[in-house]
Amino acid sequence: MIESDRELSAIVQEIWDNDVNRLKPGKDYRISLQGKAGDSMGDNESNDRAGLPLFTYVDENIFKKETFLAFISLLDNYESDTGEPEIVTPEEVAENHRFLDAIIQTRTMKIAHKHLVEKQLSPQDDTEFKEQLYRIWFELYARRGSSRPDSSGFEHVFVGETRGGRTVIGFHNWIQLYIQEKLGHIDYKGYSVTANSPQPDENKHILALQFSWKNGIKPKGSIFIGVSPEFEFALYTLSFLTSPNERVKVQFSFYDVEIVCHHYNQKHIGTTFPVLL
């Protein structure tokens, strides 16, 4: 690993070790991998290698914790179709701030913030840091093909979007996946593996998968499973601010991961997600 990646890995390991709200596989949640998803894009039954939902059990008591509660309140604030301009109400702005207030108090975000301050990439003052996070994640911008602000980093990564009603883009969060699957809006079609990727494991916290949502198909997505919202926010914010090349390799716990983090105008997150190596 190059030196900067080794340094970042040490920070990510510290964040991982302090993610006290992370769920334990097999205890707090259980998933059913079933079959390997087909390679075609079509949303047809022959492509479906999973007759059952992905999640077989989640201890929903975790959703009563402050950061989870604040995170879940944001998931219904968006128009999923790109090209549909977002109307942000004062109530939604308040929910965004409530979420940031909650995660900034967590140990994981404090570790990330301290590192970013040392690198002179973030302001030391908590209020100014929160403003930076708001700009990166919640400020609206026009996604490709749209003339009006219709997207944000948060919407794309954590909520998911649809393009032309047929393709799901973004959508890299397990809580949204679980909630949408429970509501009957998600059809899990199986796990994804390539020649270079390891076989998935139901006890691992990272999974590549295929699913359909709102009549659209996500041919291959990659997500963390069971981690807290503050862990993902800390990791992705770190990756965004420290890696101008938009890809960074990190090692933590027993994971060897590439974090893909595409910038939008260098000011916002376009997309970000983990790839298990």
C-alpha atoms as a PDB file:
ATOM      1  CA  MET A   1       0.000   0.000   0.000  1.00  0.00           C
ATOM      2  CA  ILE A   2       1.155   3.531  -0.664  1.00  0.00           C
ATOM      3  CA  GLU A   3       1.978   5.599   2.409  1.00  0.00           C
ATOM      4  CA  SER A   4      -1.125   7.786   2.384  1.00  0.00           C
ATOM      5  CA  ASP A   5      -3.341   4.705   2.171  1.00  0.00           C
ATOM      6  CA  ARG A   6      -1.535   3.156   5.133  1.00  0.00           C
ATOM      7  CA  GLU A   7      -2.105   6.312   7.157  1.00  0.00           C
ATOM      8  CA  LEU A   8      -5.765   6.447   6.147  1.00  0.00           C
ATOM      9  CA  SER A   9      -6.145   2.733   6.960  1.00  0.00           C
ATOM     10  CA  ALA A  10      -4.977   3.409  10.519  1.00  0.00           C
ATOM     11  CA  ILE A  11      -7.610   6.147  10.899  1.00  0.00           C
ATOM     12  CA  VAL A  12     -10.330   3.945   9.374  1.00  0.00           C
ATOM     13  CA  GLN A  13      -9.333   1.111  11.747  1.00  0.00           C
ATOM     14  CA  GLU A  14      -9.737   3.503  14.676  1.00  0.00           C
ATOM     15  CA  ILE A  15     -13.137   4.608  13.366  1.00  0.00           C
ATOM     16  CA  TRP A  16     -14.161   0.953  12.914  1.00  0.00           C
ATOM     17  CA  ASP A  17     -13.022   0.055  16.440  1.00  0.00           C
ATOM     18  CA  ASN A  18     -15.098   2.912  17.844  1.00  0.00           C
ATOM     19  CA  ASP A  19     -18.271   2.190  15.884  1.00  0.00           C
ATOM     20  CA  VAL A  20     -20.191   1.189  19.016  1.00  0.00           C
ATOM     21  CA  ASN A  21     -23.551   1.234  17.200  1.00  0.00           C
ATOM     22  CA  ARG A  22     -22.505  -1.380  14.631  1.00  0.00           C
ATOM     23  CA  LEU A  23     -24.755  -4.445  14.515  1.00  0.00           C
ATOM     24  CA  LYS A  24     -23.355  -7.952  14.940  1.00  0.00           C
ATOM     25  CA  PRO A  25     -24.018 -10.365  12.033  1.00  0.00           C
ATOM     26  CA  GLY A  26     -25.993 -13.425  13.091  1.00  0.00           C
ATOM     27  CA  LYS A  27     -27.078 -11.734  16.324  1.00  0.00           C
ATOM     28  CA  ASP A  28     -28.480  -8.264  15.532  1.00  0.00           C
ATOM     29  CA  TYR A  29     -29.238  -9.075  11.914  1.00  0.00           C
ATOM     30  CA  ARG A  30     -29.271 -12.027   9.543  1.00  0.00           C
ATOM     31  CA  ILE A  31     -29.138 -12.065   5.743  1.00  0.00           C
ATOM     32  CA  SER A  32     -29.824 -14.795   3.193  1.00  0.00           C
ATOM     33  CA  LEU A  33     -27.444 -14.595   0.205  1.00  0.00           C
ATOM     34  CA  GLN A  34     -29.145 -17.320  -1.900  1.00  0.00           C
ATOM     35  CA  GLY A  35     -27.896 -17.410  -5.532  1.00  0.00           C
ATOM     36  CA  LYS A  36     -25.465 -15.455  -7.691  1.00  0.00           C
ATOM     37  CA  ALA A  37     -27.332 -12.766  -9.635  1.00  0.00           C
ATOM     38  CA  GLY A  38     -27.562 -13.002 -13.412  1.00  0.00           C
ATOM     39  CA  ASP A  39     -25.467 -10.715 -15.585  1.00  0.00           C
ATOM     40  CA  SER A  40     -28.226  -9.251 -17.732  1.00  0.00           C
ATOM     41  CA  MET A  41     -29.845  -5.891 -17.016  1.00  0.00           C
ATOM     42  CA  GLY A  42     -33.402  -7.078 -17.544  1.00  0.00           C
ATOM     43  CA  ASP A  43     -35.814  -7.102 -14.626  1.00  0.00           C
ATOM     44  CA  ASN A  44     -37.161 -10.514 -15.582  1.00  0.00           C
ATOM     45  CA  GLU A  45     -37.881 -13.525 -13.433  1.00  0.00           C
ATOM     46  CA  SER A  46     -35.232 -15.701 -15.107  1.00  0.00           C
ATOM     47  CA  ASN A  47     -32.638 -13.198 -13.899  1.00  0.00           C
ATOM     48  CA  ASP A  48     -33.775 -13.542 -10.279  1.00  0.00           C
ATOM     49  CA  ARG A  49     -31.541 -15.902  -8.299  1.00  0.00           C
ATOM     50  CA  ALA A  50     -33.130 -15.141  -4.949  1.00  0.00           C
ATOM     51  CA  GLY A  51     -36.694 -16.150  -4.205  1.00  0.00           C
ATOM     52  CA  LEU A  52     -36.549 -14.757  -0.681  1.00  0.00           C
ATOM     53  CA  PRO A  53     -35.697 -11.331   0.761  1.00  0.00           C
ATOM     54  CA  LEU A  54     -32.065 -10.488   1.587  1.00  0.00           C
ATOM     55  CA  PHE A  55     -32.815  -9.644   5.228  1.00  0.00           C
ATOM     56  CA  THR A  56     -34.284 -12.436   7.310  1.00  0.00           C
ATOM     57  CA  TYR A  57     -33.978 -10.567  10.622  1.00  0.00           C
ATOM     58  CA  VAL A  58     -32.986  -7.136  11.955  1.00  0.00           C
ATOM     59  CA  ASP A  59     -33.231  -6.141  15.613  1.00  0.00           C
ATOM     60  CA  GLU A  60     -35.134  -2.896  15.101  1.00  0.00           C
ATOM     61  CA  ASN A  61     -34.322  -1.652  18.606  1.00  0.00           C
ATOM     62  CA  ILE A  62     -31.143  -0.278  17.025  1.00  0.00           C
ATOM     63  CA  PHE A  63     -33.289   2.145  15.031  1.00  0.00           C
ATOM     64  CA  LYS A  64     -34.273   3.887  18.278  1.00  0.00           C
ATOM     65  CA  LYS A  65     -30.695   5.091  18.774  1.00  0.00           C
ATOM     66  CA  GLU A  66     -30.274   8.805  18.121  1.00  0.00           C
ATOM     67  CA  THR A  67     -28.144   8.666  14.967  1.00  0.00           C
ATOM     68  CA  PHE A  68     -30.269   5.911  13.379  1.00  0.00           C
ATOM     69  CA  LEU A  69     -33.488   7.752  14.242  1.00  0.00           C
ATOM     70  CA  ALA A  70     -32.178  11.011  12.778  1.00  0.00           C
ATOM     71  CA  PHE A  71     -30.882   9.192   9.683  1.00  0.00           C
ATOM     72  CA  ILE A  72     -34.156   7.362   8.980  1.00  0.00           C
ATOM     73  CA  SER A  73     -36.096  10.646   9.189  1.00  0.00           C
ATOM     74  CA  LEU A  74     -34.172  11.850   6.097  1.00  0.00           C
ATOM     75  CA  LEU A  75     -35.003   8.922   3.832  1.00  0.00           C
ATOM     76  CA  ASP A  76     -38.441  10.167   2.738  1.00  0.00           C
ATOM     77  CA  ASN A  77     -37.285  13.697   1.852  1.00  0.00           C
ATOM     78  CA  TYR A  78     -36.424  13.099  -1.803  1.00  0.00           C
ATOM     79  CA  GLU A  79     -37.843  12.675  -5.307  1.00  0.00           C
ATOM     80  CA  SER A  80     -36.136   9.540  -6.594  1.00  0.00           C
ATOM     81  CA  ASP A  81     -36.257  10.346 -10.317  1.00  0.00           C
ATOM     82  CA  THR A  82     -33.318  12.385 -11.622  1.00  0.00           C
ATOM     83  CA  GLY A  83     -34.541  15.425 -13.510  1.00  0.00           C
ATOM     84  CA  GLU A  84     -37.253  16.056 -10.915  1.00  0.00           C
ATOM     85  CA  PRO A  85     -36.105  19.179  -9.044  1.00  0.00           C
ATOM     86  CA  GLU A  86     -35.867  18.790  -5.285  1.00  0.00           C
ATOM     87  CA  ILE A  87     -37.985  21.085  -3.120  1.00  0.00           C
ATOM     88  CA  VAL A  88     -36.359  21.311   0.305  1.00  0.00           C
ATOM     89  CA  THR A  89     -38.752  22.399   3.043  1.00  0.00           C
ATOM     90  CA  PRO A  90     -37.682  24.160   6.262  1.00  0.00           C
ATOM     91  CA  GLU A  91     -38.645  20.967   8.130  1.00  0.00           C
ATOM     92  CA  GLU A  92     -36.281  18.939   5.944  1.00  0.00           C
ATOM     93  CA  VAL A  93     -33.447  21.435   6.499  1.00  0.00           C
ATOM     94  CA  ALA A  94     -34.043  21.082  10.245  1.00  0.00           C
ATOM     95  CA  GLU A  95     -33.911  17.268   9.908  1.00  0.00           C
ATOM     96  CA  ASN A  96     -30.605  17.515   8.036  1.00  0.00           C
ATOM     97  CA  HIS A  97     -29.150  19.651  10.833  1.00  0.00           C
ATOM     98  CA  ARG A  98     -30.505  17.335  13.512  1.00  0.00           C
ATOM     99  CA  PHE A  99     -28.774  14.399  11.845  1.00  0.00           C
ATOM    100  CA  LEU A 100     -25.442  16.238  11.558  1.00  0.00           C
ATOM    101  CA  ASP A 101     -25.714  17.406  15.180  1.00  0.00           C
ATOM    102  CA  ALA A 102     -26.228  13.790  16.243  1.00  0.00           C
ATOM    103  CA  ILE A 103     -23.327  12.275  14.303  1.00  0.00           C
ATOM    104  CA  ILE A 104     -20.818  15.027  15.134  1.00  0.00           C
ATOM    105  CA  GLN A 105     -21.139  13.967  18.786  1.00  0.00           C
ATOM    106  CA  THR A 106     -20.162  10.355  18.044  1.00  0.00           C
ATOM    107  CA  ARG A 107     -16.682   8.986  18.631  1.00  0.00           C
ATOM    108  CA  THR A 108     -16.374   7.902  14.987  1.00  0.00           C
ATOM    109  CA  MET A 109     -16.983  11.404  13.604  1.00  0.00           C
ATOM    110  CA  LYS A 110     -14.748  12.987  16.256  1.00  0.00           C
ATOM    111  CA  ILE A 111     -11.853  10.749  15.120  1.00  0.00           C
ATOM    112  CA  ALA A 112     -12.460  11.655  11.465  1.00  0.00           C
ATOM    113  CA  HIS A 113     -12.765  15.356  12.312  1.00  0.00           C
ATOM    114  CA  LYS A 114      -9.524  15.361  14.315  1.00  0.00           C
ATOM    115  CA  HIS A 115      -7.628  13.772  11.412  1.00  0.00           C
ATOM    116  CA  LEU A 116      -9.094  16.223   8.883  1.00  0.00           C
ATOM    117  CA  VAL A 117      -8.156  19.184  11.091  1.00  0.00           C
ATOM    118  CA  GLU A 118      -4.576  17.854  11.384  1.00  0.00           C
ATOM    119  CA  LYS A 119      -4.433  17.626   7.581  1.00  0.00           C
ATOM    120  CA  GLN A 120      -5.863  21.178   7.321  1.00  0.00           C
ATOM    121  CA  LEU A 121      -8.767  19.820   5.297  1.00  0.00           C
ATOM    122  CA  SER A 122     -11.527  20.786   7.747  1.00  0.00           C
ATOM    123  CA  PRO A 123     -12.110  23.650  10.177  1.00  0.00           C
ATOM    124  CA  GLN A 124     -11.561  22.869  13.861  1.00  0.00           C
ATOM    125  CA  ASP A 125     -14.722  24.639  14.991  1.00  0.00           C
ATOM    126  CA  ASP A 126     -17.646  22.186  15.213  1.00  0.00           C
ATOM    127  CA  THR A 127     -20.147  24.636  13.722  1.00  0.00           C
ATOM    128  CA  GLU A 128     -17.900  25.341  10.737  1.00  0.00           C
ATOM    129  CA  PHE A 129     -17.207  21.617  10.318  1.00  0.00           C
ATOM    130  CA  LYS A 130     -20.949  20.976  10.284  1.00  0.00           C
ATOM    131  CA  GLU A 131     -21.330  23.639   7.575  1.00  0.00           C
ATOM    132  CA  GLN A 132     -18.653  21.838   5.547  1.00  0.00           C
ATOM    133  CA  LEU A 133     -20.481  18.515   5.952  1.00  0.00           C
ATOM    134  CA  TYR A 134     -23.756  20.151   4.936  1.00  0.00           C
ATOM    135  CA  ARG A 135     -22.184  21.537   1.770  1.00  0.00           C
ATOM    136  CA  ILE A 136     -20.572  18.214   0.820  1.00  0.00           C
ATOM    137  CA  TRP A 137     -23.613  16.037   1.490  1.00  0.00           C
ATOM    138  CA  PHE A 138     -26.825  18.084   1.385  1.00  0.00           C
ATOM    139  CA  GLU A 139     -26.288  21.001  -0.999  1.00  0.00           C
ATOM    140  CA  LEU A 140     -28.277  20.362  -4.170  1.00  0.00           C
ATOM    141  CA  TYR A 141     -26.761  20.188  -7.635  1.00  0.00           C
ATOM    142  CA  ALA A 142     -27.939  19.211 -11.127  1.00  0.00           C
ATOM    143  CA  ARG A 143     -27.035  15.625 -11.943  1.00  0.00           C
ATOM    144  CA  ARG A 144     -26.110  14.675 -15.510  1.00  0.00           C
ATOM    145  CA  GLY A 145     -28.907  15.442 -17.968  1.00  0.00           C
ATOM    146  CA  SER A 146     -30.752  17.804 -15.652  1.00  0.00           C
ATOM    147  CA  SER A 147     -30.898  21.583 -15.860  1.00  0.00           C
ATOM    148  CA  ARG A 148     -32.185  22.130 -12.330  1.00  0.00           C
ATOM    149  CA  PRO A 149     -30.874  21.041  -8.906  1.00  0.00           C
ATOM    150  CA  ASP A 150     -32.275  17.531  -8.552  1.00  0.00           C
ATOM    151  CA  SER A 151     -29.676  15.639  -6.540  1.00  0.00           C
ATOM    152  CA  SER A 152     -27.311  15.670  -3.579  1.00  0.00           C
ATOM    153  CA  GLY A 153     -24.581  13.407  -2.280  1.00  0.00           C
ATOM    154  CA  PHE A 154     -26.821  12.227   0.523  1.00  0.00           C
ATOM    155  CA  GLU A 155     -29.750  11.421  -1.760  1.00  0.00           C
ATOM    156  CA  HIS A 156     -27.609   9.551  -4.266  1.00  0.00           C
ATOM    157  CA  VAL A 157     -25.547   7.482  -1.822  1.00  0.00           C
ATOM    158  CA  PHE A 158     -27.959   6.809   1.027  1.00  0.00           C
ATOM    159  CA  VAL A 159     -31.453   7.082  -0.487  1.00  0.00           C
ATOM    160  CA  GLY A 160     -30.982   6.062  -4.117  1.00  0.00           C
ATOM    161  CA  GLU A 161     -32.206   7.583  -7.376  1.00  0.00           C
ATOM    162  CA  THR A 162     -33.779   6.354 -10.595  1.00  0.00           C
ATOM    163  CA  ARG A 163     -32.827   7.402 -14.112  1.00  0.00           C
ATOM    164  CA  GLY A 164     -35.431   7.213 -16.862  1.00  0.00           C
ATOM    165  CA  GLY A 165     -37.547   5.044 -14.572  1.00  0.00           C
ATOM    166  CA  ARG A 166     -35.537   1.936 -15.564  1.00  0.00           C
ATOM    167  CA  THR A 167     -32.147   2.211 -13.867  1.00  0.00           C
ATOM    168  CA  VAL A 168     -31.377   2.600 -10.177  1.00  0.00           C
ATOM    169  CA  ILE A 169     -28.307   4.725  -9.485  1.00  0.00           C
ATOM    170  CA  GLY A 170     -26.562   5.263  -6.162  1.00  0.00           C
ATOM    171  CA  PHE A 171     -28.423   3.490  -3.329  1.00  0.00           C
ATOM    172  CA  HIS A 172     -25.500   2.200  -1.257  1.00  0.00           C
ATOM    173  CA  ASN A 173     -27.052   1.983   2.188  1.00  0.00           C
ATOM    174  CA  TRP A 174     -28.256  -1.092   4.043  1.00  0.00           C
ATOM    175  CA  ILE A 175     -30.804   0.703   6.272  1.00  0.00           C
ATOM    176  CA  GLN A 176     -32.641   2.117   3.264  1.00  0.00           C
ATOM    177  CA  LEU A 177     -32.384  -1.302   1.595  1.00  0.00           C
ATOM    178  CA  TYR A 178     -33.860  -3.044   4.643  1.00  0.00           C
ATOM    179  CA  ILE A 179     -36.711  -0.514   5.028  1.00  0.00           C
ATOM    180  CA  GLN A 180     -37.581  -0.553   1.309  1.00  0.00           C
ATOM    181  CA  GLU A 181     -37.458  -4.363   1.225  1.00  0.00           C
ATOM    182  CA  LYS A 182     -39.740  -4.571   4.257  1.00  0.00           C
ATOM    183  CA  LEU A 183     -42.206  -2.231   2.490  1.00  0.00           C
ATOM    184  CA  GLY A 184     -42.157  -4.524  -0.558  1.00  0.00           C
ATOM    185  CA  HIS A 185     -40.438  -1.990  -2.823  1.00  0.00           C
ATOM    186  CA  ILE A 186     -37.188  -3.968  -3.220  1.00  0.00           C
ATOM    187  CA  ASP A 187     -36.739  -7.308  -4.944  1.00  0.00           C
ATOM    188  CA  TYR A 188     -33.336  -8.754  -4.055  1.00  0.00           C
ATOM    189  CA  LYS A 189     -32.040 -10.781  -7.031  1.00  0.00           C
ATOM    190  CA  GLY A 190     -28.846 -12.285  -5.630  1.00  0.00           C
ATOM    191  CA  TYR A 191     -25.250 -11.478  -4.809  1.00  0.00           C
ATOM    192  CA  SER A 192     -22.680 -10.279  -7.359  1.00  0.00           C
ATOM    193  CA  VAL A 193     -19.158 -11.639  -7.751  1.00  0.00           C
ATOM    194  CA  THR A 194     -16.506 -11.072 -10.392  1.00  0.00           C
ATOM    195  CA  ALA A 195     -13.388 -13.053 -11.192  1.00  0.00           C
ATOM    196  CA  ASN A 196     -11.414 -10.791  -8.835  1.00  0.00           C
ATOM    197  CA  SER A 197     -13.837 -10.483  -5.942  1.00  0.00           C
ATOM    198  CA  PRO A 198     -14.075 -12.876  -2.991  1.00  0.00           C
ATOM    199  CA  GLN A 199     -17.109 -15.096  -2.420  1.00  0.00           C
ATOM    200  CA  PRO A 200     -19.633 -13.250  -0.273  1.00  0.00           C
ATOM    201  CA  ASP A 201     -20.082 -14.227   3.340  1.00  0.00           C
ATOM    202  CA  GLU A 202     -23.236 -13.689   5.406  1.00  0.00           C
ATOM    203  CA  ASN A 203     -21.067 -12.642   8.360  1.00  0.00           C
ATOM    204  CA  LYS A 204     -19.140 -10.008   6.409  1.00  0.00           C
ATOM    205  CA  HIS A 205     -20.124  -6.355   6.600  1.00  0.00           C
ATOM    206  CA  ILE A 206     -19.731  -5.685   2.840  1.00  0.00           C
ATOM    207  CA  LEU A 207     -21.847  -7.140   0.040  1.00  0.00           C
ATOM    208  CA  ALA A 208     -22.131  -6.669  -3.733  1.00  0.00           C
ATOM    209  CA  LEU A 209     -25.655  -7.393  -4.896  1.00  0.00           C
ATOM    210  CA  GLN A 210     -28.338  -6.918  -7.535  1.00  0.00           C
ATOM    211  CA  PHE A 211     -31.880  -5.713  -6.865  1.00  0.00           C
ATOM    212  CA  SER A 212     -34.838  -3.929  -8.403  1.00  0.00           C
ATOM    213  CA  TRP A 213     -36.517  -0.869  -6.874  1.00  0.00           C
ATOM    214  CA  LYS A 214     -39.392   1.280  -8.125  1.00  0.00           C
ATOM    215  CA  ASN A 215     -39.518  -0.552 -11.496  1.00  0.00           C
ATOM    216  CA  GLY A 216     -35.800   0.078 -12.030  1.00  0.00           C
ATOM    217  CA  ILE A 217     -32.875  -2.331 -11.773  1.00  0.00           C
ATOM    218  CA  LYS A 218     -29.600  -1.930  -9.921  1.00  0.00           C
ATOM    219  CA  PRO A 219     -27.464  -4.390 -11.919  1.00  0.00           C
ATOM    220  CA  LYS A 220     -24.653  -4.272  -9.371  1.00  0.00           C
ATOM    221  CA  GLY A 221     -24.417  -2.337  -6.155  1.00  0.00           C
ATOM    222  CA  SER A 222     -22.016  -2.542  -3.253  1.00  0.00           C
ATOM    223  CA  ILE A 223     -22.896  -1.695   0.329  1.00  0.00           C
ATOM    224  CA  PHE A 224     -21.793  -1.974   3.933  1.00  0.00           C
ATOM    225  CA  ILE A 225     -24.240  -4.004   6.002  1.00  0.00           C
ATOM    226  CA  GLY A 226     -24.866  -3.527   9.714  1.00  0.00           C
ATOM    227  CA  VAL A 227     -22.618  -0.488  10.197  1.00  0.00           C
ATOM    228  CA  SER A 228     -23.873   2.738  11.754  1.00  0.00           C
ATOM    229  CA  PRO A 229     -24.732   5.881   9.747  1.00  0.00           C
ATOM    230  CA  GLU A 230     -21.917   7.707  11.560  1.00  0.00           C
ATOM    231  CA  PHE A 231     -19.352   5.117  10.427  1.00  0.00           C
ATOM    232  CA  GLU A 232     -20.279   5.551   6.769  1.00  0.00           C
ATOM    233  CA  PHE A 233     -20.413   9.329   7.058  1.00  0.00           C
ATOM    234  CA  ALA A 234     -16.983   9.412   8.718  1.00  0.00           C
ATOM    235  CA  LEU A 235     -15.402   7.017   6.207  1.00  0.00           C
ATOM    236  CA  TYR A 236     -16.874   8.612   3.088  1.00  0.00           C
ATOM    237  CA  THR A 237     -16.154  12.181   4.220  1.00  0.00           C
ATOM    238  CA  LEU A 238     -12.550  11.187   4.920  1.00  0.00           C
ATOM    239  CA  SER A 239     -12.255   9.554   1.505  1.00  0.00           C
ATOM    240  CA  PHE A 240     -13.781  12.558  -0.245  1.00  0.00           C
ATOM    241  CA  LEU A 241     -11.522  15.125   1.409  1.00  0.00           C
ATOM    242  CA  THR A 242      -8.267  13.148   1.393  1.00  0.00           C
ATOM    243  CA  SER A 243      -8.327  11.387  -1.996  1.00  0.00           C
ATOM    244  CA  PRO A 244      -8.344  13.642  -5.065  1.00  0.00           C
ATOM    245  CA  ASN A 245      -7.892  10.576  -7.301  1.00  0.00           C
ATOM    246  CA  GLU A 246     -11.402   9.409  -6.307  1.00  0.00           C
ATOM    247  CA  ARG A 247     -10.293   5.899  -5.328  1.00  0.00           C
ATOM    248  CA  VAL A 248      -8.526   4.925  -2.150  1.00  0.00           C
ATOM    249  CA  LYS A 249      -7.550   1.506  -0.827  1.00  0.00           C
ATOM    250  CA  VAL A 250      -7.845   0.899   2.902  1.00  0.00           C
ATOM    251  CA  GLN A 251      -7.334  -2.095   5.163  1.00  0.00           C
ATOM    252  CA  PHE A 252      -9.193  -2.425   8.471  1.00  0.00           C
ATOM    253  CA  SER A 253     -10.367  -5.323  10.610  1.00  0.00           C
ATOM    254  CA  PHE A 254     -10.116  -8.241   8.147  1.00  0.00           C
ATOM    255  CA  TYR A 255     -11.281  -6.175   5.157  1.00  0.00           C
ATOM    256  CA  ASP A 256      -9.259  -5.076   2.150  1.00  0.00           C
ATOM    257  CA  VAL A 257     -11.458  -2.420   0.554  1.00  0.00           C
ATOM    258  CA  GLU A 258     -11.385   0.156  -2.192  1.00  0.00           C
ATOM    259  CA  ILE A 259     -13.508   3.196  -1.453  1.00  0.00           C
ATOM    260  CA  VAL A 260     -14.744   4.710  -4.702  1.00  0.00           C
ATOM    261  CA  CYS A 261     -15.593   8.387  -4.186  1.00  0.00           C
ATOM    262  CA  HIS A 262     -16.475  10.488  -7.233  1.00  0.00           C
ATOM    263  CA  HIS A 263     -16.460  14.239  -6.753  1.00  0.00           C
ATOM    264  CA  TYR A 264     -18.981  16.622  -8.267  1.00  0.00           C
ATOM    265  CA  ASN A 265     -17.439  20.050  -9.022  1.00  0.00           C
ATOM    266  CA  GLN A 266     -14.858  19.236  -6.297  1.00  0.00           C
ATOM    267  CA  LYS A 267     -17.417  20.546  -3.782  1.00  0.00           C
ATOM    268  CA  HIS A 268     -19.961  17.749  -3.482  1.00  0.00           C
ATOM    269  CA  ILE A 269     -20.017  13.975  -3.387  1.00  0.00           C
ATOM    270  CA  GLY A 270     -21.239  12.516  -6.677  1.00  0.00           C
ATOM    271  CA  THR A 271     -21.197   8.936  -5.444  1.00  0.00           C
ATOM    272  CA  THR A 272     -19.255   6.804  -2.980  1.00  0.00           C
ATOM    273  CA  PHE A 273     -19.302   3.120  -2.079  1.00  0.00           C
ATOM    274  CA  PRO A 274     -17.061   0.261  -0.889  1.00  0.00           C
ATOM    275  CA  VAL A 275     -15.625  -2.463  -3.117  1.00  0.00           C
ATOM    276  CA  LEU A 276     -14.327  -5.589  -1.376  1.00  0.00           C
ATOM    277  CA  LEU A 277     -10.974  -6.625  -2.871  1.00  0.00           C
END
